[in-house]
N, C-alpha and C. Protein backbone atom coordinates (compact mmCIF):
# COMPACT_ATOMS: atom_id res chain seq x y z
N UNK A 1 -105.33 96.46 94.07
CA UNK A 1 -105.11 97.13 92.79
C UNK A 1 -103.64 97.51 92.61
N UNK A 2 -103.01 97.94 93.70
CA UNK A 2 -101.62 98.36 93.61
C UNK A 2 -100.72 97.20 93.23
N UNK A 3 -101.07 95.98 93.71
CA UNK A 3 -100.27 94.81 93.37
C UNK A 3 -100.32 94.55 91.87
N UNK A 4 -101.52 94.63 91.28
CA UNK A 4 -101.67 94.42 89.85
C UNK A 4 -100.91 95.46 89.05
N UNK A 5 -100.92 96.70 89.52
CA UNK A 5 -100.23 97.77 88.81
C UNK A 5 -98.72 97.50 88.81
N UNK A 6 -98.22 97.03 89.90
CA UNK A 6 -96.78 96.76 90.01
C UNK A 6 -96.37 95.60 89.09
N UNK A 7 -97.29 94.64 88.89
CA UNK A 7 -96.97 93.49 88.06
C UNK A 7 -96.82 93.87 86.60
N UNK A 8 -97.66 94.79 86.11
CA UNK A 8 -97.63 95.14 84.69
C UNK A 8 -96.78 96.37 84.40
N UNK A 9 -96.35 97.07 85.43
CA UNK A 9 -95.61 98.30 85.20
C UNK A 9 -94.26 98.07 84.53
N UNK A 10 -93.71 96.87 84.65
CA UNK A 10 -92.39 96.57 84.08
C UNK A 10 -92.49 95.98 82.67
N UNK A 11 -93.72 95.75 82.19
CA UNK A 11 -93.89 95.15 80.86
C UNK A 11 -93.71 96.20 79.77
N UNK A 12 -93.04 95.83 78.70
CA UNK A 12 -92.85 96.71 77.55
C UNK A 12 -93.28 96.00 76.28
N UNK A 13 -93.77 96.76 75.32
CA UNK A 13 -94.25 96.19 74.07
C UNK A 13 -93.68 96.96 72.89
N UNK A 14 -93.58 96.29 71.76
CA UNK A 14 -93.15 96.92 70.51
C UNK A 14 -94.31 96.89 69.53
N UNK A 15 -94.62 98.03 68.95
CA UNK A 15 -95.72 98.10 68.00
C UNK A 15 -95.31 97.40 66.70
N UNK A 16 -96.06 96.40 66.34
CA UNK A 16 -95.76 95.64 65.13
C UNK A 16 -96.68 96.02 63.99
N UNK A 17 -96.42 95.45 62.83
CA UNK A 17 -97.24 95.71 61.65
C UNK A 17 -98.49 94.85 61.68
N UNK A 18 -99.52 95.31 61.01
CA UNK A 18 -100.77 94.58 60.95
C UNK A 18 -100.64 93.47 59.92
N UNK A 19 -100.98 92.26 60.33
CA UNK A 19 -100.90 91.13 59.42
C UNK A 19 -102.16 91.06 58.57
N UNK A 20 -101.97 90.80 57.30
CA UNK A 20 -103.11 90.64 56.41
C UNK A 20 -103.69 89.24 56.61
N UNK A 21 -104.86 89.04 56.02
CA UNK A 21 -105.51 87.74 56.18
C UNK A 21 -104.61 86.63 55.65
N UNK A 22 -104.43 85.59 56.43
CA UNK A 22 -103.58 84.48 56.00
C UNK A 22 -102.11 84.82 56.05
N UNK A 23 -101.76 85.90 56.75
CA UNK A 23 -100.37 86.33 56.90
C UNK A 23 -99.71 86.64 55.56
N UNK A 24 -100.52 86.91 54.56
CA UNK A 24 -99.99 87.27 53.26
C UNK A 24 -99.35 86.11 52.50
N UNK A 25 -99.58 84.89 52.94
CA UNK A 25 -99.00 83.73 52.28
C UNK A 25 -99.75 83.40 51.00
N UNK A 26 -99.00 82.99 50.00
CA UNK A 26 -99.62 82.44 48.81
C UNK A 26 -99.77 80.93 49.01
N UNK A 27 -100.81 80.32 48.46
CA UNK A 27 -101.01 78.88 48.65
C UNK A 27 -99.82 78.07 48.13
N UNK A 28 -99.51 76.99 48.81
CA UNK A 28 -98.44 76.10 48.40
C UNK A 28 -98.90 75.20 47.26
N UNK A 29 -97.95 74.64 46.54
CA UNK A 29 -98.25 73.73 45.44
C UNK A 29 -98.64 72.36 46.01
N UNK A 30 -99.81 71.89 45.67
CA UNK A 30 -100.28 70.61 46.21
C UNK A 30 -99.53 69.41 45.64
N UNK A 31 -98.84 69.60 44.52
CA UNK A 31 -98.12 68.49 43.88
C UNK A 31 -96.66 68.40 44.34
N UNK A 32 -96.25 69.28 45.22
CA UNK A 32 -94.85 69.29 45.66
C UNK A 32 -94.71 68.66 47.04
N UNK A 33 -93.56 68.02 47.27
CA UNK A 33 -93.24 67.45 48.58
C UNK A 33 -92.33 68.43 49.31
N UNK A 34 -92.67 68.78 50.55
CA UNK A 34 -91.94 69.81 51.29
C UNK A 34 -91.17 69.21 52.46
N UNK A 35 -89.90 69.59 52.56
CA UNK A 35 -89.09 69.19 53.72
C UNK A 35 -89.55 70.04 54.91
N UNK A 36 -89.78 69.40 56.05
CA UNK A 36 -90.33 70.12 57.20
C UNK A 36 -89.81 69.55 58.52
N UNK A 37 -90.10 70.27 59.59
CA UNK A 37 -89.75 69.84 60.94
C UNK A 37 -90.95 70.06 61.85
N UNK A 38 -91.27 69.06 62.66
CA UNK A 38 -92.37 69.20 63.61
C UNK A 38 -91.96 70.13 64.75
N UNK A 39 -92.73 71.20 64.96
CA UNK A 39 -92.41 72.19 65.98
C UNK A 39 -93.14 71.89 67.29
N UNK A 40 -94.41 71.56 67.17
CA UNK A 40 -95.18 71.27 68.39
C UNK A 40 -96.49 70.57 68.02
N UNK A 41 -97.08 69.94 69.02
CA UNK A 41 -98.39 69.33 68.89
C UNK A 41 -99.22 69.80 70.07
N UNK A 42 -100.36 70.39 69.78
CA UNK A 42 -101.21 70.93 70.85
C UNK A 42 -102.63 70.39 70.72
N UNK A 43 -103.28 70.24 71.87
CA UNK A 43 -104.67 69.81 71.86
C UNK A 43 -105.57 71.02 71.70
N UNK A 44 -106.52 70.91 70.79
CA UNK A 44 -107.44 72.00 70.50
C UNK A 44 -108.89 71.53 70.66
N UNK A 45 -109.74 72.46 71.06
CA UNK A 45 -111.17 72.17 71.15
C UNK A 45 -111.83 72.71 69.89
N UNK A 46 -112.21 71.82 68.98
CA UNK A 46 -112.86 72.22 67.74
C UNK A 46 -114.35 71.96 67.80
N UNK A 47 -115.06 72.35 66.75
CA UNK A 47 -116.52 72.20 66.74
C UNK A 47 -116.95 70.74 66.87
N UNK A 48 -116.18 69.85 66.25
CA UNK A 48 -116.56 68.44 66.28
C UNK A 48 -115.98 67.71 67.49
N UNK A 49 -115.26 68.43 68.36
CA UNK A 49 -114.71 67.82 69.56
C UNK A 49 -113.23 68.07 69.71
N UNK A 50 -112.59 67.47 70.70
CA UNK A 50 -111.16 67.67 70.91
C UNK A 50 -110.34 67.08 69.77
N UNK A 51 -109.25 67.76 69.44
CA UNK A 51 -108.38 67.31 68.35
C UNK A 51 -106.95 67.73 68.65
N UNK A 52 -106.03 67.24 67.84
CA UNK A 52 -104.62 67.62 67.95
C UNK A 52 -104.23 68.48 66.76
N UNK A 53 -103.56 69.60 67.04
CA UNK A 53 -103.05 70.45 65.98
C UNK A 53 -101.54 70.27 65.88
N UNK A 54 -101.07 69.86 64.71
CA UNK A 54 -99.66 69.61 64.46
C UNK A 54 -99.09 70.81 63.70
N UNK A 55 -98.00 71.38 64.22
CA UNK A 55 -97.40 72.57 63.62
C UNK A 55 -96.02 72.21 63.07
N UNK A 56 -95.80 72.52 61.78
CA UNK A 56 -94.55 72.20 61.11
C UNK A 56 -93.90 73.46 60.55
N UNK A 57 -92.56 73.52 60.58
CA UNK A 57 -91.79 74.56 59.90
C UNK A 57 -91.32 74.01 58.57
N UNK A 58 -91.49 74.77 57.49
CA UNK A 58 -90.93 74.39 56.20
C UNK A 58 -89.45 74.75 56.19
N UNK A 59 -88.59 73.82 55.82
CA UNK A 59 -87.15 74.00 55.97
C UNK A 59 -86.48 74.71 54.81
N UNK A 60 -87.10 74.74 53.66
CA UNK A 60 -86.49 75.38 52.50
C UNK A 60 -86.28 76.88 52.79
N UNK A 61 -85.05 77.40 52.56
CA UNK A 61 -84.75 78.81 52.82
C UNK A 61 -85.69 79.78 52.10
N UNK A 62 -86.27 79.34 50.99
CA UNK A 62 -87.16 80.25 50.25
C UNK A 62 -88.45 80.56 51.03
N UNK A 63 -88.71 79.79 52.08
CA UNK A 63 -89.89 80.04 52.90
C UNK A 63 -89.57 80.81 54.18
N UNK A 64 -88.37 81.38 54.27
CA UNK A 64 -88.00 82.16 55.44
C UNK A 64 -88.38 83.62 55.24
N UNK A 65 -88.63 84.33 56.35
CA UNK A 65 -88.98 85.75 56.30
C UNK A 65 -88.63 86.39 57.64
N UNK A 66 -88.58 87.70 57.64
CA UNK A 66 -88.24 88.44 58.85
C UNK A 66 -89.51 88.74 59.65
N UNK A 67 -89.45 88.46 60.94
CA UNK A 67 -90.59 88.76 61.82
C UNK A 67 -90.07 89.22 63.17
N UNK A 68 -90.38 90.46 63.51
CA UNK A 68 -89.97 91.06 64.77
C UNK A 68 -88.46 90.93 64.98
N UNK A 69 -87.72 91.22 63.93
CA UNK A 69 -86.26 91.22 64.01
C UNK A 69 -85.61 89.86 63.94
N UNK A 70 -86.40 88.82 63.68
CA UNK A 70 -85.85 87.47 63.61
C UNK A 70 -86.20 86.82 62.27
N UNK A 71 -85.33 85.94 61.82
CA UNK A 71 -85.61 85.16 60.61
C UNK A 71 -86.33 83.88 61.01
N UNK A 72 -87.53 83.73 60.52
CA UNK A 72 -88.34 82.55 60.87
C UNK A 72 -88.78 81.85 59.59
N UNK A 73 -89.24 80.63 59.76
CA UNK A 73 -89.70 79.82 58.62
C UNK A 73 -91.23 79.81 58.56
N UNK A 74 -91.74 79.71 57.38
CA UNK A 74 -93.19 79.60 57.21
C UNK A 74 -93.67 78.30 57.85
N UNK A 75 -94.84 78.39 58.48
CA UNK A 75 -95.39 77.23 59.16
C UNK A 75 -96.68 76.75 58.50
N UNK A 76 -96.87 75.46 58.55
CA UNK A 76 -98.12 74.87 58.09
C UNK A 76 -98.65 73.98 59.21
N UNK A 77 -99.95 73.84 59.23
CA UNK A 77 -100.58 73.08 60.31
C UNK A 77 -101.46 71.96 59.76
N UNK A 78 -101.65 70.97 60.59
CA UNK A 78 -102.53 69.87 60.26
C UNK A 78 -103.27 69.41 61.51
N UNK A 79 -104.42 68.81 61.32
CA UNK A 79 -105.25 68.40 62.45
C UNK A 79 -105.56 66.91 62.39
N UNK A 80 -105.48 66.26 63.53
CA UNK A 80 -105.89 64.86 63.64
C UNK A 80 -106.83 64.71 64.83
N UNK A 81 -107.57 63.64 64.82
CA UNK A 81 -108.40 63.32 65.98
C UNK A 81 -107.51 62.71 67.06
N UNK A 82 -108.12 62.34 68.17
CA UNK A 82 -107.37 61.71 69.26
C UNK A 82 -107.36 60.19 69.13
N UNK A 83 -108.00 59.67 68.09
CA UNK A 83 -108.03 58.23 67.88
C UNK A 83 -106.63 57.73 67.53
N UNK A 84 -106.21 56.64 68.15
CA UNK A 84 -104.86 56.10 67.92
C UNK A 84 -104.94 54.60 67.65
N UNK A 85 -104.99 54.25 66.38
CA UNK A 85 -104.99 52.87 65.95
C UNK A 85 -104.36 52.82 64.57
N UNK A 86 -104.00 51.64 64.06
CA UNK A 86 -103.29 51.55 62.79
C UNK A 86 -103.99 52.20 61.60
N UNK A 87 -105.29 52.53 61.73
CA UNK A 87 -106.00 53.16 60.62
C UNK A 87 -106.21 54.66 60.83
N UNK A 88 -105.75 55.20 61.96
CA UNK A 88 -105.98 56.62 62.26
C UNK A 88 -104.85 57.48 61.73
N UNK A 89 -105.15 58.76 61.50
CA UNK A 89 -104.16 59.70 60.98
C UNK A 89 -103.12 60.01 62.05
N UNK A 90 -103.51 60.06 63.30
CA UNK A 90 -102.56 60.30 64.39
C UNK A 90 -101.47 59.23 64.37
N UNK A 91 -101.88 57.98 64.26
CA UNK A 91 -100.93 56.87 64.25
C UNK A 91 -100.02 56.96 63.02
N UNK A 92 -100.60 57.25 61.87
CA UNK A 92 -99.81 57.31 60.63
C UNK A 92 -98.76 58.41 60.70
N UNK A 93 -99.15 59.60 61.15
CA UNK A 93 -98.20 60.72 61.22
C UNK A 93 -97.11 60.42 62.25
N UNK A 94 -97.50 59.89 63.38
CA UNK A 94 -96.53 59.59 64.44
C UNK A 94 -95.49 58.60 63.94
N UNK A 95 -95.95 57.53 63.27
CA UNK A 95 -95.02 56.50 62.80
C UNK A 95 -94.09 57.02 61.72
N UNK A 96 -94.58 57.91 60.85
CA UNK A 96 -93.72 58.47 59.81
C UNK A 96 -92.62 59.33 60.44
N UNK A 97 -92.95 60.07 61.46
CA UNK A 97 -91.96 60.90 62.14
C UNK A 97 -91.01 60.05 62.98
N UNK A 98 -91.54 58.98 63.55
CA UNK A 98 -90.72 58.09 64.37
C UNK A 98 -89.80 57.22 63.52
N UNK A 99 -90.24 56.93 62.30
CA UNK A 99 -89.44 56.10 61.41
C UNK A 99 -89.74 54.63 61.51
N UNK A 100 -90.75 54.26 62.26
CA UNK A 100 -91.11 52.85 62.38
C UNK A 100 -92.56 52.72 62.83
N UNK A 101 -93.12 51.57 62.61
CA UNK A 101 -94.48 51.30 63.04
C UNK A 101 -94.48 50.74 64.46
N UNK A 102 -95.61 50.90 65.13
CA UNK A 102 -95.75 50.38 66.48
C UNK A 102 -96.78 49.25 66.49
N UNK A 103 -96.52 48.21 67.27
CA UNK A 103 -97.49 47.11 67.37
C UNK A 103 -98.66 47.53 68.25
N UNK A 104 -99.70 46.75 68.23
CA UNK A 104 -100.85 47.01 69.11
C UNK A 104 -100.39 46.97 70.57
N UNK A 105 -100.76 47.96 71.33
CA UNK A 105 -100.33 48.06 72.71
C UNK A 105 -99.09 48.93 72.89
N UNK A 106 -98.47 49.36 71.78
CA UNK A 106 -97.29 50.22 71.86
C UNK A 106 -97.65 51.60 72.38
N UNK A 107 -96.70 52.29 72.98
CA UNK A 107 -96.93 53.59 73.60
C UNK A 107 -96.56 54.71 72.62
N UNK A 108 -97.51 55.62 72.41
CA UNK A 108 -97.28 56.78 71.55
C UNK A 108 -96.95 57.98 72.44
N UNK A 109 -95.75 58.49 72.33
CA UNK A 109 -95.31 59.65 73.11
C UNK A 109 -94.98 60.78 72.16
N UNK A 110 -95.90 61.73 72.05
CA UNK A 110 -95.76 62.81 71.08
C UNK A 110 -94.52 63.67 71.34
N UNK A 111 -94.14 63.82 72.61
CA UNK A 111 -92.97 64.63 72.93
C UNK A 111 -91.70 64.08 72.28
N UNK A 112 -91.67 62.78 72.03
CA UNK A 112 -90.46 62.15 71.50
C UNK A 112 -90.23 62.46 70.03
N UNK A 113 -91.26 62.97 69.31
CA UNK A 113 -91.10 63.25 67.89
C UNK A 113 -91.01 64.75 67.58
N UNK A 114 -91.24 65.59 68.58
CA UNK A 114 -91.13 67.04 68.37
C UNK A 114 -89.67 67.37 68.05
N UNK A 115 -89.46 68.13 66.97
CA UNK A 115 -88.12 68.48 66.54
C UNK A 115 -87.59 67.56 65.44
N UNK A 116 -88.35 66.53 65.10
CA UNK A 116 -87.91 65.61 64.05
C UNK A 116 -88.29 66.14 62.67
N UNK A 117 -87.45 65.78 61.68
CA UNK A 117 -87.71 66.18 60.31
C UNK A 117 -88.61 65.17 59.61
N UNK A 118 -89.28 65.64 58.56
CA UNK A 118 -90.15 64.79 57.78
C UNK A 118 -90.38 65.45 56.43
N UNK A 119 -91.26 64.89 55.65
CA UNK A 119 -91.70 65.51 54.40
C UNK A 119 -93.21 65.61 54.42
N UNK A 120 -93.74 66.62 53.74
CA UNK A 120 -95.17 66.89 53.80
C UNK A 120 -95.79 67.03 52.41
N UNK A 121 -97.06 66.64 52.34
CA UNK A 121 -97.92 66.98 51.21
C UNK A 121 -99.02 67.86 51.78
N UNK A 122 -99.44 68.87 51.02
CA UNK A 122 -100.43 69.81 51.54
C UNK A 122 -101.69 69.79 50.68
N UNK A 123 -102.75 70.34 51.25
CA UNK A 123 -104.00 70.53 50.52
C UNK A 123 -104.46 71.96 50.80
N UNK A 124 -104.94 72.64 49.79
CA UNK A 124 -105.38 74.03 49.91
C UNK A 124 -106.89 74.10 50.09
N UNK A 125 -107.29 74.86 51.10
CA UNK A 125 -108.72 75.01 51.39
C UNK A 125 -109.04 76.49 51.65
N UNK A 126 -110.16 76.97 51.10
CA UNK A 126 -110.55 78.37 51.35
C UNK A 126 -111.15 78.52 52.75
N UNK A 127 -110.93 79.67 53.35
CA UNK A 127 -111.51 79.94 54.67
C UNK A 127 -113.01 80.22 54.51
N UNK A 128 -113.74 80.09 55.60
CA UNK A 128 -115.18 80.39 55.57
C UNK A 128 -115.42 81.90 55.61
N UNK A 129 -114.46 82.63 56.14
CA UNK A 129 -114.61 84.08 56.26
C UNK A 129 -114.32 84.77 54.94
N UNK A 130 -115.16 85.74 54.60
CA UNK A 130 -114.98 86.51 53.37
C UNK A 130 -114.24 87.80 53.69
N UNK A 131 -113.20 88.09 52.95
CA UNK A 131 -112.41 89.30 53.16
C UNK A 131 -113.16 90.54 52.68
N UNK A 132 -112.61 91.70 53.02
CA UNK A 132 -113.25 92.96 52.66
C UNK A 132 -113.40 93.12 51.15
N UNK A 133 -112.47 92.54 50.39
CA UNK A 133 -112.54 92.66 48.93
C UNK A 133 -113.42 91.58 48.30
N UNK A 134 -114.10 90.79 49.14
CA UNK A 134 -115.02 89.77 48.64
C UNK A 134 -114.38 88.43 48.35
N UNK A 135 -113.07 88.29 48.57
CA UNK A 135 -112.37 87.03 48.31
C UNK A 135 -112.24 86.22 49.60
N UNK A 136 -111.85 85.00 49.45
CA UNK A 136 -111.59 84.13 50.60
C UNK A 136 -110.10 83.76 50.63
N UNK A 137 -109.53 83.77 51.81
CA UNK A 137 -108.13 83.40 51.96
C UNK A 137 -107.97 81.90 51.79
N UNK A 138 -106.95 81.50 51.02
CA UNK A 138 -106.67 80.08 50.81
C UNK A 138 -105.57 79.65 51.79
N UNK A 139 -105.88 78.66 52.59
CA UNK A 139 -104.91 78.16 53.57
C UNK A 139 -104.36 76.81 53.10
N UNK A 140 -103.06 76.63 53.26
CA UNK A 140 -102.41 75.36 52.94
C UNK A 140 -102.27 74.55 54.22
N UNK A 141 -102.92 73.42 54.26
CA UNK A 141 -102.89 72.55 55.45
C UNK A 141 -102.19 71.22 55.12
N UNK A 142 -101.67 70.59 56.16
CA UNK A 142 -100.98 69.31 55.98
C UNK A 142 -102.00 68.24 55.60
N UNK A 143 -101.73 67.56 54.49
CA UNK A 143 -102.60 66.47 54.04
C UNK A 143 -102.00 65.11 54.40
N UNK A 144 -100.66 65.01 54.30
CA UNK A 144 -100.00 63.73 54.54
C UNK A 144 -98.58 63.96 55.03
N UNK A 145 -98.14 63.14 55.98
CA UNK A 145 -96.78 63.21 56.51
C UNK A 145 -96.00 62.01 55.99
N UNK A 146 -94.79 62.28 55.46
CA UNK A 146 -93.92 61.23 54.94
C UNK A 146 -92.62 61.19 55.74
N UNK A 147 -91.99 60.05 55.77
CA UNK A 147 -90.72 59.92 56.48
C UNK A 147 -89.64 60.76 55.79
N UNK A 148 -88.74 61.33 56.57
CA UNK A 148 -87.65 62.14 56.02
C UNK A 148 -86.77 61.29 55.12
N UNK A 149 -86.12 61.93 54.15
CA UNK A 149 -85.30 61.21 53.17
C UNK A 149 -84.18 60.41 53.81
N UNK A 150 -83.54 60.98 54.84
CA UNK A 150 -82.37 60.34 55.44
C UNK A 150 -82.73 59.35 56.53
N UNK A 151 -84.00 59.03 56.68
CA UNK A 151 -84.44 58.09 57.71
C UNK A 151 -84.96 56.82 57.04
N UNK A 152 -84.35 55.68 57.38
CA UNK A 152 -84.81 54.41 56.84
C UNK A 152 -85.99 53.94 57.67
N UNK A 153 -87.12 53.84 57.01
CA UNK A 153 -88.35 53.48 57.72
C UNK A 153 -88.34 52.01 58.13
N UNK A 154 -88.69 51.75 59.37
CA UNK A 154 -88.76 50.39 59.89
C UNK A 154 -90.22 49.96 59.99
N UNK A 155 -90.42 48.66 60.03
CA UNK A 155 -91.77 48.12 60.17
C UNK A 155 -91.82 47.20 61.37
N UNK A 156 -93.02 46.84 61.77
CA UNK A 156 -93.19 45.99 62.94
C UNK A 156 -92.76 44.56 62.62
N UNK A 157 -92.53 43.77 63.67
CA UNK A 157 -92.10 42.39 63.50
C UNK A 157 -93.13 41.58 62.74
N UNK A 158 -94.43 41.88 62.94
CA UNK A 158 -95.48 41.12 62.27
C UNK A 158 -95.39 41.30 60.76
N UNK A 159 -95.06 42.54 60.32
CA UNK A 159 -94.91 42.79 58.90
C UNK A 159 -93.69 42.07 58.36
N UNK A 160 -92.59 42.08 59.14
CA UNK A 160 -91.37 41.40 58.72
C UNK A 160 -91.62 39.90 58.56
N UNK A 161 -92.36 39.29 59.49
CA UNK A 161 -92.65 37.87 59.43
C UNK A 161 -93.47 37.56 58.19
N UNK A 162 -94.47 38.42 57.90
CA UNK A 162 -95.32 38.21 56.73
C UNK A 162 -94.49 38.27 55.45
N UNK A 163 -93.58 39.25 55.38
CA UNK A 163 -92.73 39.37 54.20
C UNK A 163 -91.80 38.17 54.06
N UNK A 164 -91.28 37.66 55.20
CA UNK A 164 -90.38 36.51 55.18
C UNK A 164 -91.12 35.27 54.68
N UNK A 165 -92.36 35.07 55.14
CA UNK A 165 -93.16 33.92 54.71
C UNK A 165 -93.43 34.00 53.22
N UNK A 166 -93.79 35.20 52.75
CA UNK A 166 -94.06 35.38 51.32
C UNK A 166 -92.83 35.07 50.48
N UNK A 167 -91.67 35.55 50.94
CA UNK A 167 -90.42 35.31 50.22
C UNK A 167 -90.08 33.82 50.20
N UNK A 168 -90.33 33.14 51.33
CA UNK A 168 -90.03 31.70 51.41
C UNK A 168 -90.92 30.92 50.44
N UNK A 169 -92.21 31.27 50.41
CA UNK A 169 -93.15 30.56 49.52
C UNK A 169 -92.77 30.78 48.07
N UNK A 170 -92.43 32.03 47.72
CA UNK A 170 -92.05 32.32 46.34
C UNK A 170 -90.78 31.59 45.94
N UNK A 171 -89.80 31.52 46.86
CA UNK A 171 -88.54 30.81 46.59
C UNK A 171 -88.77 29.32 46.43
N UNK A 172 -89.59 28.75 47.34
CA UNK A 172 -89.87 27.32 47.28
C UNK A 172 -90.60 26.96 45.99
N UNK A 173 -91.52 27.81 45.57
CA UNK A 173 -92.27 27.56 44.32
C UNK A 173 -91.35 27.59 43.11
N UNK A 174 -90.44 28.58 43.12
CA UNK A 174 -89.50 28.70 42.01
C UNK A 174 -88.59 27.48 41.92
N UNK A 175 -88.09 27.00 43.09
CA UNK A 175 -87.21 25.84 43.10
C UNK A 175 -87.96 24.58 42.66
N UNK A 176 -89.23 24.47 43.06
CA UNK A 176 -90.03 23.30 42.69
C UNK A 176 -90.21 23.24 41.18
N UNK A 177 -90.39 24.39 40.56
CA UNK A 177 -90.57 24.44 39.11
C UNK A 177 -89.27 24.08 38.39
N UNK A 178 -88.12 24.40 39.02
CA UNK A 178 -86.83 24.12 38.40
C UNK A 178 -86.54 22.62 38.34
N UNK A 179 -87.01 21.87 39.35
CA UNK A 179 -86.69 20.43 39.41
C UNK A 179 -87.68 19.58 38.65
N UNK A 180 -88.74 20.17 38.10
CA UNK A 180 -89.71 19.40 37.35
C UNK A 180 -89.06 18.87 36.08
N UNK A 181 -89.21 17.55 35.81
CA UNK A 181 -88.63 17.01 34.57
C UNK A 181 -89.29 17.64 33.35
N UNK A 182 -88.50 18.03 32.45
CA UNK A 182 -89.03 18.65 31.24
C UNK A 182 -89.06 17.63 30.11
N UNK A 183 -90.15 17.56 29.38
CA UNK A 183 -90.32 16.64 28.27
C UNK A 183 -89.42 17.09 27.13
N UNK A 184 -88.57 16.18 26.66
CA UNK A 184 -87.67 16.57 25.57
C UNK A 184 -88.44 16.95 24.32
N UNK A 185 -87.96 17.93 23.68
CA UNK A 185 -88.61 18.40 22.47
C UNK A 185 -87.91 17.81 21.27
N UNK A 186 -88.66 17.10 20.45
CA UNK A 186 -88.09 16.48 19.27
C UNK A 186 -87.89 17.53 18.19
N UNK A 187 -86.68 17.50 17.68
CA UNK A 187 -86.37 18.45 16.62
C UNK A 187 -86.84 17.89 15.29
N UNK A 188 -87.51 18.71 14.56
CA UNK A 188 -87.98 18.29 13.24
C UNK A 188 -86.81 18.16 12.28
N UNK A 189 -86.77 17.06 11.57
CA UNK A 189 -85.70 16.83 10.63
C UNK A 189 -86.03 17.49 9.30
N UNK A 190 -85.14 18.31 8.88
CA UNK A 190 -85.37 19.00 7.63
C UNK A 190 -84.94 18.11 6.46
N UNK A 191 -85.82 17.97 5.52
CA UNK A 191 -85.54 17.16 4.34
C UNK A 191 -85.26 18.11 3.18
N UNK A 192 -84.08 18.01 2.66
CA UNK A 192 -83.69 18.88 1.56
C UNK A 192 -83.69 18.06 0.28
N UNK A 193 -84.51 18.46 -0.62
CA UNK A 193 -84.60 17.77 -1.89
C UNK A 193 -83.85 18.57 -2.94
N UNK A 194 -83.12 17.90 -3.80
CA UNK A 194 -82.41 18.61 -4.87
C UNK A 194 -83.40 19.24 -5.83
N UNK A 195 -83.08 20.42 -6.31
CA UNK A 195 -84.01 21.08 -7.22
C UNK A 195 -84.17 20.29 -8.52
N UNK A 196 -85.40 20.29 -8.97
CA UNK A 196 -85.70 19.60 -10.21
C UNK A 196 -85.52 20.57 -11.37
N UNK A 197 -84.83 20.11 -12.35
CA UNK A 197 -84.59 20.94 -13.53
C UNK A 197 -85.27 20.31 -14.73
N UNK A 198 -86.12 21.05 -15.32
CA UNK A 198 -86.82 20.56 -16.50
C UNK A 198 -85.92 20.80 -17.71
N UNK A 199 -85.56 19.74 -18.36
CA UNK A 199 -84.65 19.87 -19.49
C UNK A 199 -85.21 20.75 -20.58
N UNK A 200 -86.55 20.82 -20.62
CA UNK A 200 -87.16 21.61 -21.67
C UNK A 200 -87.17 23.09 -21.37
N UNK A 201 -86.88 23.47 -20.10
CA UNK A 201 -86.96 24.88 -19.70
C UNK A 201 -85.61 25.43 -19.34
N UNK A 202 -84.55 25.03 -20.01
CA UNK A 202 -83.22 25.52 -19.71
C UNK A 202 -83.10 27.02 -19.88
N UNK A 203 -83.86 27.59 -20.78
CA UNK A 203 -83.76 29.02 -21.05
C UNK A 203 -84.31 29.86 -19.93
N UNK A 204 -85.13 29.26 -19.03
CA UNK A 204 -85.75 30.03 -17.94
C UNK A 204 -84.92 30.04 -16.67
N UNK A 205 -83.79 29.39 -16.63
CA UNK A 205 -83.00 29.30 -15.41
C UNK A 205 -82.50 30.68 -14.97
N UNK A 206 -82.11 31.54 -15.89
CA UNK A 206 -81.57 32.87 -15.57
C UNK A 206 -82.58 33.98 -15.83
N UNK A 207 -83.83 33.65 -15.86
CA UNK A 207 -84.84 34.65 -16.19
C UNK A 207 -85.01 35.68 -15.11
N UNK A 208 -84.73 35.35 -13.80
CA UNK A 208 -84.89 36.30 -12.70
C UNK A 208 -83.66 37.17 -12.53
N UNK A 209 -82.59 36.92 -13.32
CA UNK A 209 -81.38 37.73 -13.24
C UNK A 209 -81.35 38.76 -14.35
N UNK A 210 -81.69 38.35 -15.53
CA UNK A 210 -81.64 39.24 -16.70
C UNK A 210 -83.04 39.79 -16.98
């Protein structure tokens, strides 16, 4: 017992303020794109099984606030499964942060993308818990990860080859159409006949003027 007492006797704590439900955050706009940075990725045990929780800091200064004497940024979170294939959300988010796609058999190393910037779209969802005032807290979660503005997104070699083949076919088709002999178009000859003047109707020649 004395050993345990000695271990905690040097610990000190500061009494902080009580956080309201949802940390007092107002829901984010679902139609806006947010500049963000990936802070960490952690494995979580959820009801449907193991999953990955992705934590992002919003970079806009308007989302900063004071917490325990420090200026911090508002955070948003997103969840993916552990499935990693070209159709999974884990793969999509990783590639957007990495700036390029990976071929089948490529190695996904989450540590390599922590600290990278990106852009986010969010979705707002109410919590299952009902607050004391009868309302539900609305949480803004990550819906989609986009590549950062200053990062030129790369694609896999297979995609590049497909695009090159498509471009070649389109170019070859265009050139083939250019060399096709065109049938000359005969111009219609205009026949101009002199106006006929009826000698008996001389008085009507200026009728549309006067």
